[in-house]
């Protein structure tokens, strides 16, 4: 999937972005001269200059007088597009290690965010949850629409924390994981079982059972992470690693809470 647009400058910038994100262009190295890049990409120098400006805006390069354009460390860039390129260094090929790291961080944030939402939710938040449950029910059997509603549900959880940074992080993550949405459909099944689990989470939040919320969300991620990693491996043609019991669903373990 393209990260940026389809203009010539966008395509050149994205090619260089993937080279930097994958380490093929290392931090501290110097980009080829404009004329060389223009010839290599079959464009004129003005297109290359615009592409380099895009990379500079994302914190990936820095022009240095008498040295040239220096490549910066992609890990120091705040741009979600940079992490997308690290996640997918070539179209359709996913870096399993980067994906595992991303899922681990997201799980940690989700667990604590959901528990905090249970502690701080307001009546308005509960009303928003109920509206989203009705929306999800209306999209049963419609995977794309159901997944979009789940994105809004997660944002609703972030809002219930009364912490704006959680909201920003959820929105940031939605941009990062745009390329793995097809894999998320594997774990966000638009069926009654999944909806029942979401409704149970809302019930726990409504009852302010923060510890039980934390345990449930932790179980969800323990169940889902191996499946997303397996889907990424299959998409990339990499060896399949799936050690979790695929018959287990975290929403079937309510009695343990």
C-alpha atoms as a PDB file:
ATOM      1  CA  UNK A   1       0.000   0.000   0.000  1.00  0.00           C
ATOM      2  CA  UNK A   2       1.286   3.461  -0.859  1.00  0.00           C
ATOM      3  CA  UNK A   3       2.210   5.552   2.159  1.00  0.00           C
ATOM      4  CA  UNK A   4       2.064   8.904   0.406  1.00  0.00           C
ATOM      5  CA  UNK A   5       0.389  10.145  -2.785  1.00  0.00           C
ATOM      6  CA  UNK A   6       0.904   9.206  -6.404  1.00  0.00           C
ATOM      7  CA  UNK A   7       2.752  12.272  -7.655  1.00  0.00           C
ATOM      8  CA  UNK A   8       6.302  11.793  -8.898  1.00  0.00           C
ATOM      9  CA  UNK A   9       7.747  13.513  -5.848  1.00  0.00           C
ATOM     10  CA  UNK A  10       5.620  11.337  -3.559  1.00  0.00           C
ATOM     11  CA  UNK A  11       6.869   8.166  -5.224  1.00  0.00           C
ATOM     12  CA  UNK A  12      10.515   9.236  -4.999  1.00  0.00           C
ATOM     13  CA  UNK A  13      10.081  10.288  -1.366  1.00  0.00           C
ATOM     14  CA  UNK A  14       8.407   6.991  -0.493  1.00  0.00           C
ATOM     15  CA  UNK A  15      11.174   4.953  -2.133  1.00  0.00           C
ATOM     16  CA  UNK A  16      13.803   6.840  -0.143  1.00  0.00           C
ATOM     17  CA  UNK A  17      11.650   6.608   2.990  1.00  0.00           C
ATOM     18  CA  UNK A  18      11.532   2.815   2.761  1.00  0.00           C
ATOM     19  CA  UNK A  19      15.303   2.687   2.166  1.00  0.00           C
ATOM     20  CA  UNK A  20      15.923   4.775   5.279  1.00  0.00           C
ATOM     21  CA  UNK A  21      13.358   2.941   7.404  1.00  0.00           C
ATOM     22  CA  UNK A  22      14.784  -0.470   6.442  1.00  0.00           C
ATOM     23  CA  UNK A  23      18.389   0.584   7.121  1.00  0.00           C
ATOM     24  CA  UNK A  24      19.521   0.365   3.512  1.00  0.00           C
ATOM     25  CA  UNK A  25      20.333   4.055   3.862  1.00  0.00           C
ATOM     26  CA  UNK A  26      21.983   4.270   7.254  1.00  0.00           C
ATOM     27  CA  UNK A  27      21.879   7.191   9.714  1.00  0.00           C
ATOM     28  CA  UNK A  28      24.829   9.488   9.101  1.00  0.00           C
ATOM     29  CA  UNK A  29      25.187   8.531   5.450  1.00  0.00           C
ATOM     30  CA  UNK A  30      24.797  11.123   2.707  1.00  0.00           C
ATOM     31  CA  UNK A  31      22.114  10.935   0.048  1.00  0.00           C
ATOM     32  CA  UNK A  32      23.239  10.816  -3.557  1.00  0.00           C
ATOM     33  CA  UNK A  33      23.340  14.197  -5.278  1.00  0.00           C
ATOM     34  CA  UNK A  34      20.163  15.597  -6.784  1.00  0.00           C
ATOM     35  CA  UNK A  35      21.320  14.923 -10.333  1.00  0.00           C
ATOM     36  CA  UNK A  36      22.126  11.296  -9.513  1.00  0.00           C
ATOM     37  CA  UNK A  37      18.791  10.740  -7.768  1.00  0.00           C
ATOM     38  CA  UNK A  38      16.953  12.387 -10.651  1.00  0.00           C
ATOM     39  CA  UNK A  39      18.612  10.074 -13.153  1.00  0.00           C
ATOM     40  CA  UNK A  40      18.042   6.985 -10.994  1.00  0.00           C
ATOM     41  CA  UNK A  41      14.317   7.722 -10.612  1.00  0.00           C
ATOM     42  CA  UNK A  42      13.738   9.075 -14.126  1.00  0.00           C
ATOM     43  CA  UNK A  43      12.584  12.501 -12.939  1.00  0.00           C
ATOM     44  CA  UNK A  44      13.925  16.043 -13.024  1.00  0.00           C
ATOM     45  CA  UNK A  45      15.839  17.687 -10.194  1.00  0.00           C
ATOM     46  CA  UNK A  46      12.868  19.780  -9.033  1.00  0.00           C
ATOM     47  CA  UNK A  47      10.968  16.552  -8.286  1.00  0.00           C
ATOM     48  CA  UNK A  48      13.924  15.269  -6.256  1.00  0.00           C
ATOM     49  CA  UNK A  49      14.131  18.536  -4.329  1.00  0.00           C
ATOM     50  CA  UNK A  50      10.448  18.288  -3.424  1.00  0.00           C
ATOM     51  CA  UNK A  51      10.890  14.661  -2.364  1.00  0.00           C
ATOM     52  CA  UNK A  52      13.793  15.607  -0.117  1.00  0.00           C
ATOM     53  CA  UNK A  53      11.723  18.394   1.439  1.00  0.00           C
ATOM     54  CA  UNK A  54       9.085  15.789   2.303  1.00  0.00           C
ATOM     55  CA  UNK A  55      11.697  13.595   3.971  1.00  0.00           C
ATOM     56  CA  UNK A  56      13.031  16.602   5.862  1.00  0.00           C
ATOM     57  CA  UNK A  57       9.515  17.419   7.127  1.00  0.00           C
ATOM     58  CA  UNK A  58       9.277  13.881   8.531  1.00  0.00           C
ATOM     59  CA  UNK A  59      12.613  14.204  10.321  1.00  0.00           C
ATOM     60  CA  UNK A  60      14.453  11.715   8.109  1.00  0.00           C
ATOM     61  CA  UNK A  61      17.100  13.889   6.460  1.00  0.00           C
ATOM     62  CA  UNK A  62      18.886  17.151   7.155  1.00  0.00           C
ATOM     63  CA  UNK A  63      20.716  19.298   4.582  1.00  0.00           C
ATOM     64  CA  UNK A  64      24.159  20.241   5.891  1.00  0.00           C
ATOM     65  CA  UNK A  65      26.190  22.926   4.153  1.00  0.00           C
ATOM     66  CA  UNK A  66      29.205  21.597   2.245  1.00  0.00           C
ATOM     67  CA  UNK A  67      28.334  18.010   3.189  1.00  0.00           C
ATOM     68  CA  UNK A  68      25.055  17.264   1.446  1.00  0.00           C
ATOM     69  CA  UNK A  69      21.804  15.760   2.713  1.00  0.00           C
ATOM     70  CA  UNK A  70      22.446  13.639   5.799  1.00  0.00           C
ATOM     71  CA  UNK A  71      20.267  10.647   6.661  1.00  0.00           C
ATOM     72  CA  UNK A  72      18.867  10.764  10.205  1.00  0.00           C
ATOM     73  CA  UNK A  73      17.829   7.924  12.523  1.00  0.00           C
ATOM     74  CA  UNK A  74      14.242   6.880  11.632  1.00  0.00           C
ATOM     75  CA  UNK A  75      13.628   5.864  15.257  1.00  0.00           C
ATOM     76  CA  UNK A  76      13.898   9.528  16.212  1.00  0.00           C
ATOM     77  CA  UNK A  77      11.129  10.586  13.838  1.00  0.00           C
ATOM     78  CA  UNK A  78       7.677  11.198  15.387  1.00  0.00           C
ATOM     79  CA  UNK A  79       5.934  10.541  12.071  1.00  0.00           C
ATOM     80  CA  UNK A  80       3.564   7.543  11.915  1.00  0.00           C
ATOM     81  CA  UNK A  81       4.429   7.253   8.216  1.00  0.00           C
ATOM     82  CA  UNK A  82       8.013   6.421   9.153  1.00  0.00           C
ATOM     83  CA  UNK A  83       6.890   3.568  11.398  1.00  0.00           C
ATOM     84  CA  UNK A  84       4.592   2.374   8.593  1.00  0.00           C
ATOM     85  CA  UNK A  85       7.639   2.161   6.339  1.00  0.00           C
ATOM     86  CA  UNK A  86       9.605   0.319   9.023  1.00  0.00           C
ATOM     87  CA  UNK A  87       6.689  -2.076   9.375  1.00  0.00           C
ATOM     88  CA  UNK A  88       6.436  -2.635   5.610  1.00  0.00           C
ATOM     89  CA  UNK A  89       9.899  -1.988   4.087  1.00  0.00           C
ATOM     90  CA  UNK A  90       8.639  -3.250   0.727  1.00  0.00           C
ATOM     91  CA  UNK A  91       5.006  -3.226  -0.449  1.00  0.00           C
ATOM     92  CA  UNK A  92       3.360  -6.415   0.792  1.00  0.00           C
ATOM     93  CA  UNK A  93       6.402  -7.497   2.849  1.00  0.00           C
ATOM     94  CA  UNK A  94       6.169  -7.023   6.610  1.00  0.00           C
ATOM     95  CA  UNK A  95       9.013  -6.876   9.106  1.00  0.00           C
ATOM     96  CA  UNK A  96       7.940  -9.367  11.770  1.00  0.00           C
ATOM     97  CA  UNK A  97      10.215  -7.905  14.451  1.00  0.00           C
ATOM     98  CA  UNK A  98       8.873  -4.378  13.981  1.00  0.00           C
ATOM     99  CA  UNK A  99       5.303  -5.693  13.966  1.00  0.00           C
ATOM    100  CA  UNK A 100       5.922  -7.653  17.169  1.00  0.00           C
ATOM    101  CA  UNK A 101       7.343  -4.531  18.827  1.00  0.00           C
ATOM    102  CA  UNK A 102       4.371  -2.453  17.691  1.00  0.00           C
ATOM    103  CA  UNK A 103       1.842  -4.995  18.953  1.00  0.00           C
ATOM    104  CA  UNK A 104       3.639  -5.261  22.291  1.00  0.00           C
ATOM    105  CA  UNK A 105       3.532  -1.506  22.838  1.00  0.00           C
ATOM    106  CA  UNK A 106      -0.077  -1.302  21.708  1.00  0.00           C
ATOM    107  CA  UNK A 107      -1.065  -4.089  24.106  1.00  0.00           C
ATOM    108  CA  UNK A 108       0.571  -2.304  27.034  1.00  0.00           C
ATOM    109  CA  UNK A 109      -1.193   0.940  26.189  1.00  0.00           C
ATOM    110  CA  UNK A 110      -4.564  -0.755  25.622  1.00  0.00           C
ATOM    111  CA  UNK A 111      -4.457  -2.603  28.926  1.00  0.00           C
ATOM    112  CA  UNK A 112      -3.712   0.472  31.021  1.00  0.00           C
ATOM    113  CA  UNK A 113      -5.937   2.752  28.923  1.00  0.00           C
ATOM    114  CA  UNK A 114      -8.933   0.467  29.358  1.00  0.00           C
ATOM    115  CA  UNK A 115      -8.386   0.131  33.096  1.00  0.00           C
ATOM    116  CA  UNK A 116      -8.129   3.905  33.437  1.00  0.00           C
ATOM    117  CA  UNK A 117     -11.318   4.306  31.404  1.00  0.00           C
ATOM    118  CA  UNK A 118     -13.086   2.065  33.925  1.00  0.00           C
ATOM    119  CA  UNK A 119     -11.920   4.298  36.759  1.00  0.00           C
ATOM    120  CA  UNK A 120     -12.788   7.642  35.128  1.00  0.00           C
ATOM    121  CA  UNK A 121     -15.721   7.011  32.757  1.00  0.00           C
ATOM    122  CA  UNK A 122     -18.640   9.396  32.950  1.00  0.00           C
ATOM    123  CA  UNK A 123     -22.323   8.915  32.213  1.00  0.00           C
ATOM    124  CA  UNK A 124     -21.724  10.554  28.835  1.00  0.00           C
ATOM    125  CA  UNK A 125     -18.998   7.995  28.104  1.00  0.00           C
ATOM    126  CA  UNK A 126     -21.373   5.139  28.964  1.00  0.00           C
ATOM    127  CA  UNK A 127     -23.981   6.595  26.629  1.00  0.00           C
ATOM    128  CA  UNK A 128     -21.361   6.742  23.875  1.00  0.00           C
ATOM    129  CA  UNK A 129     -20.433   3.102  24.513  1.00  0.00           C
ATOM    130  CA  UNK A 130     -24.069   2.029  24.252  1.00  0.00           C
ATOM    131  CA  UNK A 131     -24.462   3.913  20.977  1.00  0.00           C
ATOM    132  CA  UNK A 132     -21.392   2.163  19.580  1.00  0.00           C
ATOM    133  CA  UNK A 133     -22.681  -1.239  20.677  1.00  0.00           C
ATOM    134  CA  UNK A 134     -25.875  -0.549  18.705  1.00  0.00           C
ATOM    135  CA  UNK A 135     -23.776   0.505  15.730  1.00  0.00           C
ATOM    136  CA  UNK A 136     -21.667  -2.645  15.954  1.00  0.00           C
ATOM    137  CA  UNK A 137     -24.800  -4.781  16.064  1.00  0.00           C
ATOM    138  CA  UNK A 138     -26.033  -3.075  12.944  1.00  0.00           C
ATOM    139  CA  UNK A 139     -22.799  -4.045  11.161  1.00  0.00           C
ATOM    140  CA  UNK A 140     -22.733  -7.750  12.071  1.00  0.00           C
ATOM    141  CA  UNK A 141     -21.690  -9.711   9.008  1.00  0.00           C
ATOM    142  CA  UNK A 142     -20.095  -6.601   7.440  1.00  0.00           C
ATOM    143  CA  UNK A 143     -16.358  -6.906   8.264  1.00  0.00           C
ATOM    144  CA  UNK A 144     -15.184  -3.522   6.970  1.00  0.00           C
ATOM    145  CA  UNK A 145     -17.995  -1.507   8.538  1.00  0.00           C
ATOM    146  CA  UNK A 146     -17.676  -3.473  11.789  1.00  0.00           C
ATOM    147  CA  UNK A 147     -13.915  -2.829  11.898  1.00  0.00           C
ATOM    148  CA  UNK A 148     -14.473   0.907  11.357  1.00  0.00           C
ATOM    149  CA  UNK A 149     -16.968   0.932  14.230  1.00  0.00           C
ATOM    150  CA  UNK A 150     -14.404  -0.894  16.412  1.00  0.00           C
ATOM    151  CA  UNK A 151     -11.873   1.833  15.651  1.00  0.00           C
ATOM    152  CA  UNK A 152     -14.395   4.360  16.958  1.00  0.00           C
ATOM    153  CA  UNK A 153     -15.029   2.137  19.987  1.00  0.00           C
ATOM    154  CA  UNK A 154     -11.334   2.152  20.879  1.00  0.00           C
ATOM    155  CA  UNK A 155     -11.258   5.930  20.494  1.00  0.00           C
ATOM    156  CA  UNK A 156     -14.266   6.050  22.820  1.00  0.00           C
ATOM    157  CA  UNK A 157     -12.282   4.071  25.405  1.00  0.00           C
ATOM    158  CA  UNK A 158      -9.449   6.592  25.043  1.00  0.00           C
ATOM    159  CA  UNK A 159     -11.848   9.482  25.606  1.00  0.00           C
ATOM    160  CA  UNK A 160     -13.222   7.802  28.725  1.00  0.00           C
ATOM    161  CA  UNK A 161      -9.762   8.060  30.312  1.00  0.00           C
ATOM    162  CA  UNK A 162     -10.188  11.862  30.250  1.00  0.00           C
ATOM    163  CA  UNK A 163      -6.566  11.933  29.034  1.00  0.00           C
ATOM    164  CA  UNK A 164      -6.065  13.646  25.683  1.00  0.00           C
ATOM    165  CA  UNK A 165      -2.712  11.973  25.090  1.00  0.00           C
ATOM    166  CA  UNK A 166      -4.393   8.567  24.965  1.00  0.00           C
ATOM    167  CA  UNK A 167      -6.719   9.954  22.291  1.00  0.00           C
ATOM    168  CA  UNK A 168      -3.744  11.229  20.310  1.00  0.00           C
ATOM    169  CA  UNK A 169      -1.926   7.898  20.634  1.00  0.00           C
ATOM    170  CA  UNK A 170      -4.965   5.933  19.440  1.00  0.00           C
ATOM    171  CA  UNK A 171      -5.332   8.190  16.390  1.00  0.00           C
ATOM    172  CA  UNK A 172      -1.586   7.893  15.714  1.00  0.00           C
ATOM    173  CA  UNK A 173      -1.779   4.107  15.919  1.00  0.00           C
ATOM    174  CA  UNK A 174      -4.728   3.983  13.518  1.00  0.00           C
ATOM    175  CA  UNK A 175      -2.517   5.677  10.908  1.00  0.00           C
ATOM    176  CA  UNK A 176       0.417   3.368  11.576  1.00  0.00           C
ATOM    177  CA  UNK A 177      -1.559   0.145  11.233  1.00  0.00           C
ATOM    178  CA  UNK A 178      -3.327   1.129   8.010  1.00  0.00           C
ATOM    179  CA  UNK A 179      -1.317  -1.500   6.134  1.00  0.00           C
ATOM    180  CA  UNK A 180      -2.304  -4.375   8.424  1.00  0.00           C
ATOM    181  CA  UNK A 181      -6.041  -3.744   8.486  1.00  0.00           C
ATOM    182  CA  UNK A 182      -6.681  -6.934   6.520  1.00  0.00           C
ATOM    183  CA  UNK A 183      -4.966  -8.869   9.318  1.00  0.00           C
ATOM    184  CA  UNK A 184      -7.064  -7.125  11.953  1.00  0.00           C
ATOM    185  CA  UNK A 185     -10.175  -8.483  10.246  1.00  0.00           C
ATOM    186  CA  UNK A 186      -8.972 -11.935  11.367  1.00  0.00           C
ATOM    187  CA  UNK A 187      -9.375 -10.969  15.021  1.00  0.00           C
ATOM    188  CA  UNK A 188     -12.263  -8.514  14.757  1.00  0.00           C
ATOM    189  CA  UNK A 189     -14.803 -10.967  13.458  1.00  0.00           C
ATOM    190  CA  UNK A 190     -18.090  -9.233  12.763  1.00  0.00           C
ATOM    191  CA  UNK A 191     -20.116 -11.861  14.607  1.00  0.00           C
ATOM    192  CA  UNK A 192     -22.179 -12.289  17.754  1.00  0.00           C
ATOM    193  CA  UNK A 193     -19.300 -13.815  19.725  1.00  0.00           C
ATOM    194  CA  UNK A 194     -17.061 -10.802  19.217  1.00  0.00           C
ATOM    195  CA  UNK A 195     -19.866  -8.351  19.894  1.00  0.00           C
ATOM    196  CA  UNK A 196     -20.712 -10.237  23.089  1.00  0.00           C
ATOM    197  CA  UNK A 197     -17.123  -9.805  24.235  1.00  0.00           C
ATOM    198  CA  UNK A 198     -17.172  -6.073  23.502  1.00  0.00           C
ATOM    199  CA  UNK A 199     -20.457  -5.732  25.395  1.00  0.00           C
ATOM    200  CA  UNK A 200     -18.907  -7.559  28.346  1.00  0.00           C
ATOM    201  CA  UNK A 201     -15.982  -5.116  28.327  1.00  0.00           C
ATOM    202  CA  UNK A 202     -18.444  -2.210  28.373  1.00  0.00           C
ATOM    203  CA  UNK A 203     -20.231  -3.833  31.327  1.00  0.00           C
ATOM    204  CA  UNK A 204     -16.965  -4.084  33.275  1.00  0.00           C
ATOM    205  CA  UNK A 205     -16.128  -0.460  32.482  1.00  0.00           C
ATOM    206  CA  UNK A 206     -19.613   0.633  33.556  1.00  0.00           C
ATOM    207  CA  UNK A 207     -19.173  -1.234  36.846  1.00  0.00           C
ATOM    208  CA  UNK A 208     -15.717   0.353  37.266  1.00  0.00           C
ATOM    209  CA  UNK A 209     -14.066  -3.037  37.681  1.00  0.00           C
ATOM    210  CA  UNK A 210     -10.658  -1.797  36.566  1.00  0.00           C
ATOM    211  CA  UNK A 211      -8.720  -4.920  37.539  1.00  0.00           C
ATOM    212  CA  UNK A 212     -11.124  -7.168  35.631  1.00  0.00           C
ATOM    213  CA  UNK A 213     -10.943  -4.842  32.620  1.00  0.00           C
ATOM    214  CA  UNK A 214      -7.162  -5.055  32.729  1.00  0.00           C
ATOM    215  CA  UNK A 215      -7.265  -8.861  32.871  1.00  0.00           C
ATOM    216  CA  UNK A 216      -9.747  -9.122  30.003  1.00  0.00           C
ATOM    217  CA  UNK A 217      -7.863  -6.770  27.672  1.00  0.00           C
ATOM    218  CA  UNK A 218      -4.584  -8.500  28.502  1.00  0.00           C
ATOM    219  CA  UNK A 219      -6.197 -11.804  27.518  1.00  0.00           C
ATOM    220  CA  UNK A 220      -7.472 -10.337  24.252  1.00  0.00           C
ATOM    221  CA  UNK A 221      -3.990  -9.236  23.244  1.00  0.00           C
ATOM    222  CA  UNK A 222      -2.411 -12.536  24.325  1.00  0.00           C
ATOM    223  CA  UNK A 223      -4.888 -14.246  21.999  1.00  0.00           C
ATOM    224  CA  UNK A 224      -4.678 -11.827  19.073  1.00  0.00           C
ATOM    225  CA  UNK A 225      -0.957 -11.037  18.786  1.00  0.00           C
ATOM    226  CA  UNK A 226       0.134 -14.507  17.544  1.00  0.00           C
ATOM    227  CA  UNK A 227      -2.632 -14.436  14.937  1.00  0.00           C
ATOM    228  CA  UNK A 228      -1.646 -11.056  13.539  1.00  0.00           C
ATOM    229  CA  UNK A 229       2.005 -12.131  13.433  1.00  0.00           C
ATOM    230  CA  UNK A 230       1.022 -15.334  11.643  1.00  0.00           C
ATOM    231  CA  UNK A 231      -1.047 -13.409   9.098  1.00  0.00           C
ATOM    232  CA  UNK A 232       1.880 -11.052   8.460  1.00  0.00           C
ATOM    233  CA  UNK A 233       4.226 -14.007   7.963  1.00  0.00           C
ATOM    234  CA  UNK A 234       1.848 -15.586   5.470  1.00  0.00           C
ATOM    235  CA  UNK A 235       1.456 -12.301   3.589  1.00  0.00           C
ATOM    236  CA  UNK A 236       5.236 -11.905   3.407  1.00  0.00           C
ATOM    237  CA  UNK A 237       6.030 -15.517   2.561  1.00  0.00           C
ATOM    238  CA  UNK A 238       7.976 -15.875   5.818  1.00  0.00           C
ATOM    239  CA  UNK A 239       8.001 -18.976   8.078  1.00  0.00           C
ATOM    240  CA  UNK A 240       4.776 -19.334  10.043  1.00  0.00           C
ATOM    241  CA  UNK A 241       5.061 -19.120  13.812  1.00  0.00           C
ATOM    242  CA  UNK A 242       1.779 -19.677  15.670  1.00  0.00           C
ATOM    243  CA  UNK A 243       2.111 -21.365  19.008  1.00  0.00           C
ATOM    244  CA  UNK A 244      -1.114 -20.168  20.635  1.00  0.00           C
ATOM    245  CA  UNK A 245      -4.131 -22.445  20.939  1.00  0.00           C
ATOM    246  CA  UNK A 246      -6.228 -21.212  18.025  1.00  0.00           C
ATOM    247  CA  UNK A 247      -9.415 -22.595  19.563  1.00  0.00           C
ATOM    248  CA  UNK A 248      -9.143 -20.294  22.579  1.00  0.00           C
ATOM    249  CA  UNK A 249     -11.009 -17.005  22.634  1.00  0.00           C
ATOM    250  CA  UNK A 250     -10.344 -14.482  25.423  1.00  0.00           C
ATOM    251  CA  UNK A 251     -14.042 -13.598  25.444  1.00  0.00           C
ATOM    252  CA  UNK A 252     -14.877 -17.156  26.508  1.00  0.00           C
ATOM    253  CA  UNK A 253     -13.098 -16.838  29.852  1.00  0.00           C
ATOM    254  CA  UNK A 254     -15.456 -14.503  31.708  1.00  0.00           C
ATOM    255  CA  UNK A 255     -15.916 -16.845  34.621  1.00  0.00           C
ATOM    256  CA  UNK A 256     -12.212 -16.478  35.442  1.00  0.00           C
ATOM    257  CA  UNK A 257     -12.620 -12.768  36.098  1.00  0.00           C
END
